[in-house]
């Protein structure tokens, strides 16, 4: 069955970096757009970034442009989210999402604090 498994979250100080990974299985990964969402405590889940099938096209939320980078490796069935220059307001659970399948991962916690 379709499975998305995120990893790479953790605690980091402001200004730090993290790299999130999402390993996909159960579907032909290279045929699907992939996205990262995040949900902070008490807030709605928000779209962070989306990447096209080949990775040639990406889109970002204004709040993360220039700091986050989404990428994918179709040979490894994995999508990544590089988080740089992290701010406390980036604290959230980050989720991987296969939009056409409406499939979510379990999420990985990112905490940014001093």
C-alpha atoms as a PDB file:
ATOM      1  CA  UNK A   1       0.000   0.000   0.000  1.00  0.00           C
ATOM      2  CA  UNK A   2       0.997   3.636  -0.316  1.00  0.00           C
ATOM      3  CA  UNK A   3       3.415   4.639   2.414  1.00  0.00           C
ATOM      4  CA  UNK A   4       5.263   7.870   3.137  1.00  0.00           C
ATOM      5  CA  UNK A   5       7.799   7.930   5.953  1.00  0.00           C
ATOM      6  CA  UNK A   6       9.392  11.205   7.041  1.00  0.00           C
ATOM      7  CA  UNK A   7      12.629  11.527   8.960  1.00  0.00           C
ATOM      8  CA  UNK A   8      15.234  14.119   9.847  1.00  0.00           C
ATOM      9  CA  UNK A   9      13.345  16.349  12.250  1.00  0.00           C
ATOM     10  CA  UNK A  10      14.705  17.478  15.582  1.00  0.00           C
ATOM     11  CA  UNK A  11      15.682  20.429  17.710  1.00  0.00           C
ATOM     12  CA  UNK A  12      17.848  23.222  16.302  1.00  0.00           C
ATOM     13  CA  UNK A  13      18.815  26.714  17.374  1.00  0.00           C
ATOM     14  CA  UNK A  14      17.643  29.747  15.384  1.00  0.00           C
ATOM     15  CA  UNK A  15      19.750  30.157  12.281  1.00  0.00           C
ATOM     16  CA  UNK A  16      20.441  26.443  12.083  1.00  0.00           C
ATOM     17  CA  UNK A  17      19.665  23.892   9.395  1.00  0.00           C
ATOM     18  CA  UNK A  18      17.949  20.556   9.034  1.00  0.00           C
ATOM     19  CA  UNK A  19      17.322  18.186   6.147  1.00  0.00           C
ATOM     20  CA  UNK A  20      14.051  16.310   6.082  1.00  0.00           C
ATOM     21  CA  UNK A  21      13.551  13.157   4.034  1.00  0.00           C
ATOM     22  CA  UNK A  22      10.403  11.365   2.943  1.00  0.00           C
ATOM     23  CA  UNK A  23      10.736   7.805   1.697  1.00  0.00           C
ATOM     24  CA  UNK A  24       7.878   6.677  -0.536  1.00  0.00           C
ATOM     25  CA  UNK A  25       6.680   3.175  -1.354  1.00  0.00           C
ATOM     26  CA  UNK A  26       3.655   1.442  -2.803  1.00  0.00           C
ATOM     27  CA  UNK A  27       3.305   3.646  -5.879  1.00  0.00           C
ATOM     28  CA  UNK A  28       5.311   4.824  -8.886  1.00  0.00           C
ATOM     29  CA  UNK A  29       6.972   7.765  -7.190  1.00  0.00           C
ATOM     30  CA  UNK A  30       8.275   9.425 -10.356  1.00  0.00           C
ATOM     31  CA  UNK A  31       4.728   9.908 -11.678  1.00  0.00           C
ATOM     32  CA  UNK A  32       3.522  12.103  -8.825  1.00  0.00           C
ATOM     33  CA  UNK A  33       3.999  15.671  -7.710  1.00  0.00           C
ATOM     34  CA  UNK A  34       5.149  15.761  -4.111  1.00  0.00           C
ATOM     35  CA  UNK A  35       4.669  18.389  -1.430  1.00  0.00           C
ATOM     36  CA  UNK A  36       5.721  19.267   2.079  1.00  0.00           C
ATOM     37  CA  UNK A  37       3.226  20.736   4.525  1.00  0.00           C
ATOM     38  CA  UNK A  38       3.639  21.842   8.113  1.00  0.00           C
ATOM     39  CA  UNK A  39       1.350  22.339  11.069  1.00  0.00           C
ATOM     40  CA  UNK A  40       2.262  24.453  14.062  1.00  0.00           C
ATOM     41  CA  UNK A  41       0.449  24.072  17.417  1.00  0.00           C
ATOM     42  CA  UNK A  42      -2.990  25.670  17.260  1.00  0.00           C
ATOM     43  CA  UNK A  43      -2.684  26.483  13.566  1.00  0.00           C
ATOM     44  CA  UNK A  44      -3.971  24.982  10.348  1.00  0.00           C
ATOM     45  CA  UNK A  45      -1.780  22.805   8.188  1.00  0.00           C
ATOM     46  CA  UNK A  46      -0.075  24.922   5.533  1.00  0.00           C
ATOM     47  CA  UNK A  47       1.623  24.142   2.228  1.00  0.00           C
ATOM     48  CA  UNK A  48       5.375  24.718   2.375  1.00  0.00           C
ATOM     49  CA  UNK A  49       6.678  23.520  -0.983  1.00  0.00           C
ATOM     50  CA  UNK A  50       5.795  21.443  -4.051  1.00  0.00           C
ATOM     51  CA  UNK A  51       8.014  19.758  -6.617  1.00  0.00           C
ATOM     52  CA  UNK A  52       7.164  18.507 -10.104  1.00  0.00           C
ATOM     53  CA  UNK A  53       7.679  14.988 -11.442  1.00  0.00           C
ATOM     54  CA  UNK A  54      11.257  15.482 -12.616  1.00  0.00           C
ATOM     55  CA  UNK A  55      12.101  18.120 -10.039  1.00  0.00           C
ATOM     56  CA  UNK A  56      12.459  20.818 -12.660  1.00  0.00           C
ATOM     57  CA  UNK A  57       9.727  22.974 -11.191  1.00  0.00           C
ATOM     58  CA  UNK A  58       9.277  23.974  -7.563  1.00  0.00           C
ATOM     59  CA  UNK A  59       7.009  26.301  -5.630  1.00  0.00           C
ATOM     60  CA  UNK A  60       7.320  27.680  -2.119  1.00  0.00           C
ATOM     61  CA  UNK A  61       5.272  29.491   0.470  1.00  0.00           C
ATOM     62  CA  UNK A  62       6.353  33.121   0.765  1.00  0.00           C
ATOM     63  CA  UNK A  63       7.361  32.510   4.378  1.00  0.00           C
ATOM     64  CA  UNK A  64      10.076  30.015   3.400  1.00  0.00           C
ATOM     65  CA  UNK A  65      11.290  31.308   0.013  1.00  0.00           C
ATOM     66  CA  UNK A  66      15.045  31.655  -0.086  1.00  0.00           C
ATOM     67  CA  UNK A  67      15.478  29.535   3.063  1.00  0.00           C
ATOM     68  CA  UNK A  68      13.967  26.131   2.220  1.00  0.00           C
ATOM     69  CA  UNK A  69      14.707  23.922  -0.787  1.00  0.00           C
ATOM     70  CA  UNK A  70      12.624  20.980  -1.959  1.00  0.00           C
ATOM     71  CA  UNK A  71      14.252  18.288  -4.095  1.00  0.00           C
ATOM     72  CA  UNK A  72      13.679  14.691  -5.090  1.00  0.00           C
ATOM     73  CA  UNK A  73      15.589  11.584  -6.086  1.00  0.00           C
ATOM     74  CA  UNK A  74      13.319   9.401  -8.196  1.00  0.00           C
ATOM     75  CA  UNK A  75      15.857   6.568  -8.167  1.00  0.00           C
ATOM     76  CA  UNK A  76      15.562   6.459  -4.376  1.00  0.00           C
ATOM     77  CA  UNK A  77      11.819   7.230  -4.214  1.00  0.00           C
ATOM     78  CA  UNK A  78      12.616  10.048  -1.832  1.00  0.00           C
ATOM     79  CA  UNK A  79      11.705  13.710  -1.549  1.00  0.00           C
ATOM     80  CA  UNK A  80      13.749  16.084   0.587  1.00  0.00           C
ATOM     81  CA  UNK A  81      13.276  19.435   2.268  1.00  0.00           C
ATOM     82  CA  UNK A  82      16.396  21.387   3.166  1.00  0.00           C
ATOM     83  CA  UNK A  83      15.633  23.895   5.917  1.00  0.00           C
ATOM     84  CA  UNK A  84      18.167  26.720   6.330  1.00  0.00           C
ATOM     85  CA  UNK A  85      18.199  29.906   8.426  1.00  0.00           C
ATOM     86  CA  UNK A  86      15.552  28.422  10.667  1.00  0.00           C
ATOM     87  CA  UNK A  87      13.379  30.673  12.803  1.00  0.00           C
ATOM     88  CA  UNK A  88      11.293  29.892  15.890  1.00  0.00           C
ATOM     89  CA  UNK A  89       8.168  30.353  13.776  1.00  0.00           C
ATOM     90  CA  UNK A  90       9.265  27.396  11.648  1.00  0.00           C
ATOM     91  CA  UNK A  91       8.539  25.126  14.606  1.00  0.00           C
ATOM     92  CA  UNK A  92       5.925  22.618  13.433  1.00  0.00           C
ATOM     93  CA  UNK A  93       5.265  19.044  12.467  1.00  0.00           C
ATOM     94  CA  UNK A  94       6.333  18.638   8.840  1.00  0.00           C
ATOM     95  CA  UNK A  95       4.405  16.260   6.601  1.00  0.00           C
ATOM     96  CA  UNK A  96       5.109  14.732   3.232  1.00  0.00           C
ATOM     97  CA  UNK A  97       2.125  14.612   0.837  1.00  0.00           C
ATOM     98  CA  UNK A  98       1.426  12.891  -2.481  1.00  0.00           C
ATOM     99  CA  UNK A  99      -1.307  15.151  -3.771  1.00  0.00           C
ATOM    100  CA  UNK A 100      -2.901  13.014  -6.493  1.00  0.00           C
ATOM    101  CA  UNK A 101      -3.086  10.063  -4.097  1.00  0.00           C
ATOM    102  CA  UNK A 102      -4.168  12.190  -1.129  1.00  0.00           C
ATOM    103  CA  UNK A 103      -1.568  10.307   0.898  1.00  0.00           C
ATOM    104  CA  UNK A 104       0.145  11.720   4.000  1.00  0.00           C
ATOM    105  CA  UNK A 105       3.124  10.642   6.021  1.00  0.00           C
ATOM    106  CA  UNK A 106       3.074  10.494   9.818  1.00  0.00           C
ATOM    107  CA  UNK A 107       5.045  13.716  10.189  1.00  0.00           C
ATOM    108  CA  UNK A 108       8.354  14.705  11.733  1.00  0.00           C
ATOM    109  CA  UNK A 109       8.716  17.339  14.450  1.00  0.00           C
ATOM    110  CA  UNK A 110      10.951  20.370  13.881  1.00  0.00           C
ATOM    111  CA  UNK A 111      11.604  22.581  16.898  1.00  0.00           C
ATOM    112  CA  UNK A 112      13.556  25.825  16.590  1.00  0.00           C
ATOM    113  CA  UNK A 113      14.480  27.465  19.862  1.00  0.00           C
ATOM    114  CA  UNK A 114      17.418  28.741  21.833  1.00  0.00           C
END
